[in-house]
């Protein structure tokens, strides 16, 4: 687990360095958003009167950084055995922390760092995890053509589908034509993307089920 925490911190450090270098206007904006989000997290932790400010910020960030919704969708599908109901302050603080990771992901993607991350996972990070017996043997899955690396799948940004899924409170792959609320070429495009997500998710689930 300590290796995973180190990896997360390392990715945050890489993104922060890119932001500090300020190569583009996007970097400057991302840096300002990260700083303000962290400041607001501290304010909310000290005084709950800032909770609404947190929700307002979250709404803006989700519109400007689509990676946040991607991360949220992944988290929503993860099983949780935590029966305790968090209070309103804890909820918005955790959401804003997730927003920070969405901003980090946005910066890393913009600078082409995702391939570097994947390469790192398949080499140095894998070696570290192997030493602690935290790695599944994927050779059989590769031989069967289910996956070709430890990257189980890459989920692209599906634009309006995310909003429709959130409104219907169901996963993207379960959306119906009625849920999408569109017709013609727009519907066909959305349906094509929905099927694409379904196939990606199906591959990920099959790989996980085979591993466990």
Protein backbone atom coordinates (compact mmCIF):
# COMPACT_ATOMS: atom_id res chain seq x y z
CA UNK A 1 0.00 0.00 0.00
CA UNK A 2 2.87 2.39 0.76
CA UNK A 3 4.08 1.91 -2.83
CA UNK A 4 0.65 2.87 -4.16
CA UNK A 5 0.59 5.99 -1.99
CA UNK A 6 4.08 6.88 -3.22
CA UNK A 7 2.95 6.43 -6.83
CA UNK A 8 -0.04 8.73 -6.30
CA UNK A 9 2.19 11.35 -4.68
CA UNK A 10 4.69 11.02 -7.52
CA UNK A 11 2.01 11.65 -10.16
CA UNK A 12 0.78 14.67 -8.22
CA UNK A 13 4.39 15.91 -8.04
CA UNK A 14 4.84 15.51 -11.81
CA UNK A 15 1.64 17.42 -12.52
CA UNK A 16 2.60 20.15 -10.04
CA UNK A 17 5.95 20.63 -11.75
CA UNK A 18 4.22 20.96 -15.12
CA UNK A 19 1.85 23.51 -13.65
CA UNK A 20 4.66 25.48 -12.01
CA UNK A 21 6.49 25.65 -15.34
CA UNK A 22 3.41 27.38 -16.80
CA UNK A 23 3.94 26.29 -20.40
CA UNK A 24 0.36 27.10 -21.39
CA UNK A 25 -2.63 29.11 -20.23
CA UNK A 26 -4.21 25.78 -19.25
CA UNK A 27 -1.33 25.15 -16.86
CA UNK A 28 -1.77 28.56 -15.24
CA UNK A 29 -5.51 27.99 -14.83
CA UNK A 30 -5.03 24.46 -13.48
CA UNK A 31 -2.52 25.75 -10.95
CA UNK A 32 -4.90 28.47 -9.76
CA UNK A 33 -7.79 25.99 -9.53
CA UNK A 34 -5.71 23.50 -7.56
CA UNK A 35 -4.55 26.18 -5.15
CA UNK A 36 -8.04 27.57 -4.61
CA UNK A 37 -9.56 24.10 -4.20
CA UNK A 38 -7.04 23.15 -1.54
CA UNK A 39 -7.58 26.44 0.25
CA UNK A 40 -11.34 25.87 0.24
CA UNK A 41 -10.88 22.33 1.57
CA UNK A 42 -8.98 23.80 4.51
CA UNK A 43 -11.66 26.44 5.07
CA UNK A 44 -14.47 23.86 5.03
CA UNK A 45 -12.55 21.63 7.43
CA UNK A 46 -12.38 24.53 9.88
CA UNK A 47 -15.83 26.05 9.32
CA UNK A 48 -18.88 24.35 7.71
CA UNK A 49 -20.25 27.72 6.55
CA UNK A 50 -18.07 27.26 3.43
CA UNK A 51 -19.79 24.01 2.38
CA UNK A 52 -21.98 25.71 -0.25
CA UNK A 53 -18.89 27.41 -1.69
CA UNK A 54 -17.45 23.94 -2.06
CA UNK A 55 -20.47 22.69 -4.00
CA UNK A 56 -20.40 25.76 -6.25
CA UNK A 57 -16.71 25.18 -6.99
CA UNK A 58 -17.30 21.49 -7.66
CA UNK A 59 -19.98 22.33 -10.22
CA UNK A 60 -17.64 24.69 -12.09
CA UNK A 61 -14.69 22.32 -12.02
CA UNK A 62 -16.77 19.42 -13.36
CA UNK A 63 -17.80 21.55 -16.31
CA UNK A 64 -14.22 22.61 -17.07
CA UNK A 65 -12.39 19.34 -16.32
CA UNK A 66 -14.26 16.33 -17.80
CA UNK A 67 -11.70 14.00 -16.22
CA UNK A 68 -13.44 14.57 -12.87
CA UNK A 69 -16.58 12.80 -14.08
CA UNK A 70 -14.45 9.95 -15.45
CA UNK A 71 -12.85 9.48 -12.04
CA UNK A 72 -16.23 9.73 -10.30
CA UNK A 73 -17.70 7.03 -12.52
CA UNK A 74 -14.83 4.69 -11.68
CA UNK A 75 -15.21 5.35 -7.95
CA UNK A 76 -18.98 4.79 -8.10
CA UNK A 77 -18.40 1.28 -9.41
CA UNK A 78 -15.97 0.31 -6.68
CA UNK A 79 -17.45 -1.79 -3.84
CA UNK A 80 -17.37 -0.19 -0.41
CA UNK A 81 -17.77 -1.83 2.99
CA UNK A 82 -17.92 1.47 4.84
CA UNK A 83 -21.32 1.52 6.52
CA UNK A 84 -20.82 4.86 8.27
CA UNK A 85 -22.72 7.75 6.68
CA UNK A 86 -20.38 10.75 6.28
CA UNK A 87 -21.53 14.18 7.37
CA UNK A 88 -22.05 17.04 4.84
CA UNK A 89 -18.62 18.51 5.55
CA UNK A 90 -16.86 15.20 4.98
CA UNK A 91 -18.79 14.60 1.75
CA UNK A 92 -17.82 17.87 0.06
CA UNK A 93 -14.21 17.64 1.29
CA UNK A 94 -13.83 14.19 -0.32
CA UNK A 95 -15.47 15.42 -3.52
CA UNK A 96 -13.13 18.40 -3.72
CA UNK A 97 -10.14 16.11 -3.20
CA UNK A 98 -11.41 14.04 -6.13
CA UNK A 99 -11.71 17.27 -8.12
CA UNK A 100 -8.02 17.89 -7.45
CA UNK A 101 -7.18 14.50 -8.96
CA UNK A 102 -9.33 15.38 -11.96
CA UNK A 103 -7.29 18.55 -12.48
CA UNK A 104 -4.07 16.55 -12.11
CA UNK A 105 -5.29 14.00 -14.67
CA UNK A 106 -6.19 16.86 -17.05
CA UNK A 107 -2.67 18.29 -16.82
CA UNK A 108 -0.99 14.89 -17.25
CA UNK A 109 -3.11 14.08 -20.30
CA UNK A 110 -2.45 17.48 -21.89
CA UNK A 111 1.29 16.94 -21.56
CA UNK A 112 1.26 13.36 -22.83
CA UNK A 113 2.28 11.93 -19.48
CA UNK A 114 -0.27 9.10 -19.51
CA UNK A 115 2.01 6.91 -21.66
CA UNK A 116 4.85 7.58 -19.26
CA UNK A 117 2.59 6.54 -16.39
CA UNK A 118 1.65 3.30 -18.15
CA UNK A 119 5.31 2.56 -18.88
CA UNK A 120 6.18 3.23 -15.23
CA UNK A 121 3.41 0.88 -14.05
CA UNK A 122 4.66 -1.93 -16.31
CA UNK A 123 8.27 -1.56 -15.13
CA UNK A 124 9.43 0.12 -11.90
CA UNK A 125 6.05 0.17 -10.14
CA UNK A 126 5.35 -3.46 -11.06
CA UNK A 127 8.74 -4.49 -9.69
CA UNK A 128 8.04 -2.73 -6.39
CA UNK A 129 4.62 -4.36 -6.02
CA UNK A 130 6.04 -7.79 -6.90
CA UNK A 131 8.44 -7.57 -3.98
CA UNK A 132 5.44 -7.23 -1.64
CA UNK A 133 3.50 -10.03 -3.39
CA UNK A 134 0.82 -7.57 -4.58
CA UNK A 135 0.72 -8.58 -8.27
CA UNK A 136 -1.59 -10.94 -10.13
CA UNK A 137 -0.18 -13.19 -12.86
CA UNK A 138 -1.81 -11.97 -16.09
CA UNK A 139 -0.01 -14.32 -18.52
CA UNK A 140 -3.10 -16.50 -19.02
CA UNK A 141 -5.30 -13.49 -19.75
CA UNK A 142 -2.79 -12.20 -22.29
CA UNK A 143 -2.60 -15.61 -23.95
CA UNK A 144 -6.41 -15.75 -24.16
CA UNK A 145 -6.49 -12.29 -25.75
CA UNK A 146 -8.55 -10.68 -22.98
CA UNK A 147 -5.93 -8.02 -22.22
CA UNK A 148 -2.48 -7.20 -23.56
CA UNK A 149 -1.01 -5.36 -20.55
CA UNK A 150 -1.82 -4.40 -16.99
CA UNK A 151 -3.85 -1.52 -18.36
CA UNK A 152 -7.28 -3.21 -18.26
CA UNK A 153 -8.92 -0.45 -20.27
CA UNK A 154 -8.83 3.22 -21.19
CA UNK A 155 -12.16 5.00 -20.83
CA UNK A 156 -12.41 8.07 -23.08
CA UNK A 157 -14.45 11.19 -22.39
CA UNK A 158 -18.04 10.54 -23.45
CA UNK A 159 -19.27 14.12 -23.20
CA UNK A 160 -23.05 14.40 -22.97
CA UNK A 161 -23.43 10.73 -22.03
CA UNK A 162 -21.96 11.46 -18.60
CA UNK A 163 -24.55 14.14 -17.97
CA UNK A 164 -27.39 11.86 -19.15
CA UNK A 165 -26.15 9.02 -16.92
CA UNK A 166 -25.93 11.34 -13.91
CA UNK A 167 -29.44 12.63 -14.54
CA UNK A 168 -30.84 9.09 -14.87
CA UNK A 169 -28.67 7.91 -11.93
CA UNK A 170 -27.52 4.83 -13.86
CA UNK A 171 -24.19 3.74 -15.45
CA UNK A 172 -23.42 5.00 -18.96
CA UNK A 173 -23.66 1.51 -20.44
CA UNK A 174 -27.24 1.11 -19.09
CA UNK A 175 -28.63 4.22 -20.79
CA UNK A 176 -31.67 3.69 -23.00
CA UNK A 177 -32.85 5.79 -25.93
CA UNK A 178 -35.41 7.40 -23.63
CA UNK A 179 -32.67 8.27 -21.11
CA UNK A 180 -30.59 9.91 -23.83
CA UNK A 181 -33.54 12.03 -24.96
CA UNK A 182 -32.22 12.54 -28.49
CA UNK A 183 -33.04 11.41 -32.04
CA UNK A 184 -31.37 11.18 -35.44
CA UNK A 185 -27.64 11.61 -35.85
CA UNK A 186 -27.18 12.85 -32.29
CA UNK A 187 -28.76 9.70 -30.88
CA UNK A 188 -26.76 7.45 -33.21
CA UNK A 189 -23.53 9.10 -32.11
CA UNK A 190 -24.43 8.77 -28.42
CA UNK A 191 -25.52 5.16 -28.89
CA UNK A 192 -22.24 4.33 -30.62
CA UNK A 193 -20.30 5.79 -27.69
CA UNK A 194 -22.54 3.96 -25.20
CA UNK A 195 -21.79 0.64 -26.91
CA UNK A 196 -18.10 1.50 -26.91
CA UNK A 197 -18.18 2.08 -23.16
CA UNK A 198 -20.13 -1.16 -22.67
CA UNK A 199 -17.43 -3.10 -24.53
CA UNK A 200 -14.61 -1.47 -22.57
CA UNK A 201 -16.34 -2.08 -19.24
CA UNK A 202 -17.14 -5.68 -20.23
CA UNK A 203 -13.46 -6.32 -20.96
CA UNK A 204 -12.42 -4.84 -17.62
CA UNK A 205 -14.97 -6.91 -15.69
CA UNK A 206 -14.00 -10.13 -17.49
CA UNK A 207 -10.34 -9.54 -16.68
CA UNK A 208 -11.05 -8.87 -13.00
CA UNK A 209 -13.34 -11.90 -12.68
CA UNK A 210 -10.72 -14.14 -14.24
CA UNK A 211 -8.06 -12.80 -11.92
CA UNK A 212 -10.04 -13.34 -8.71
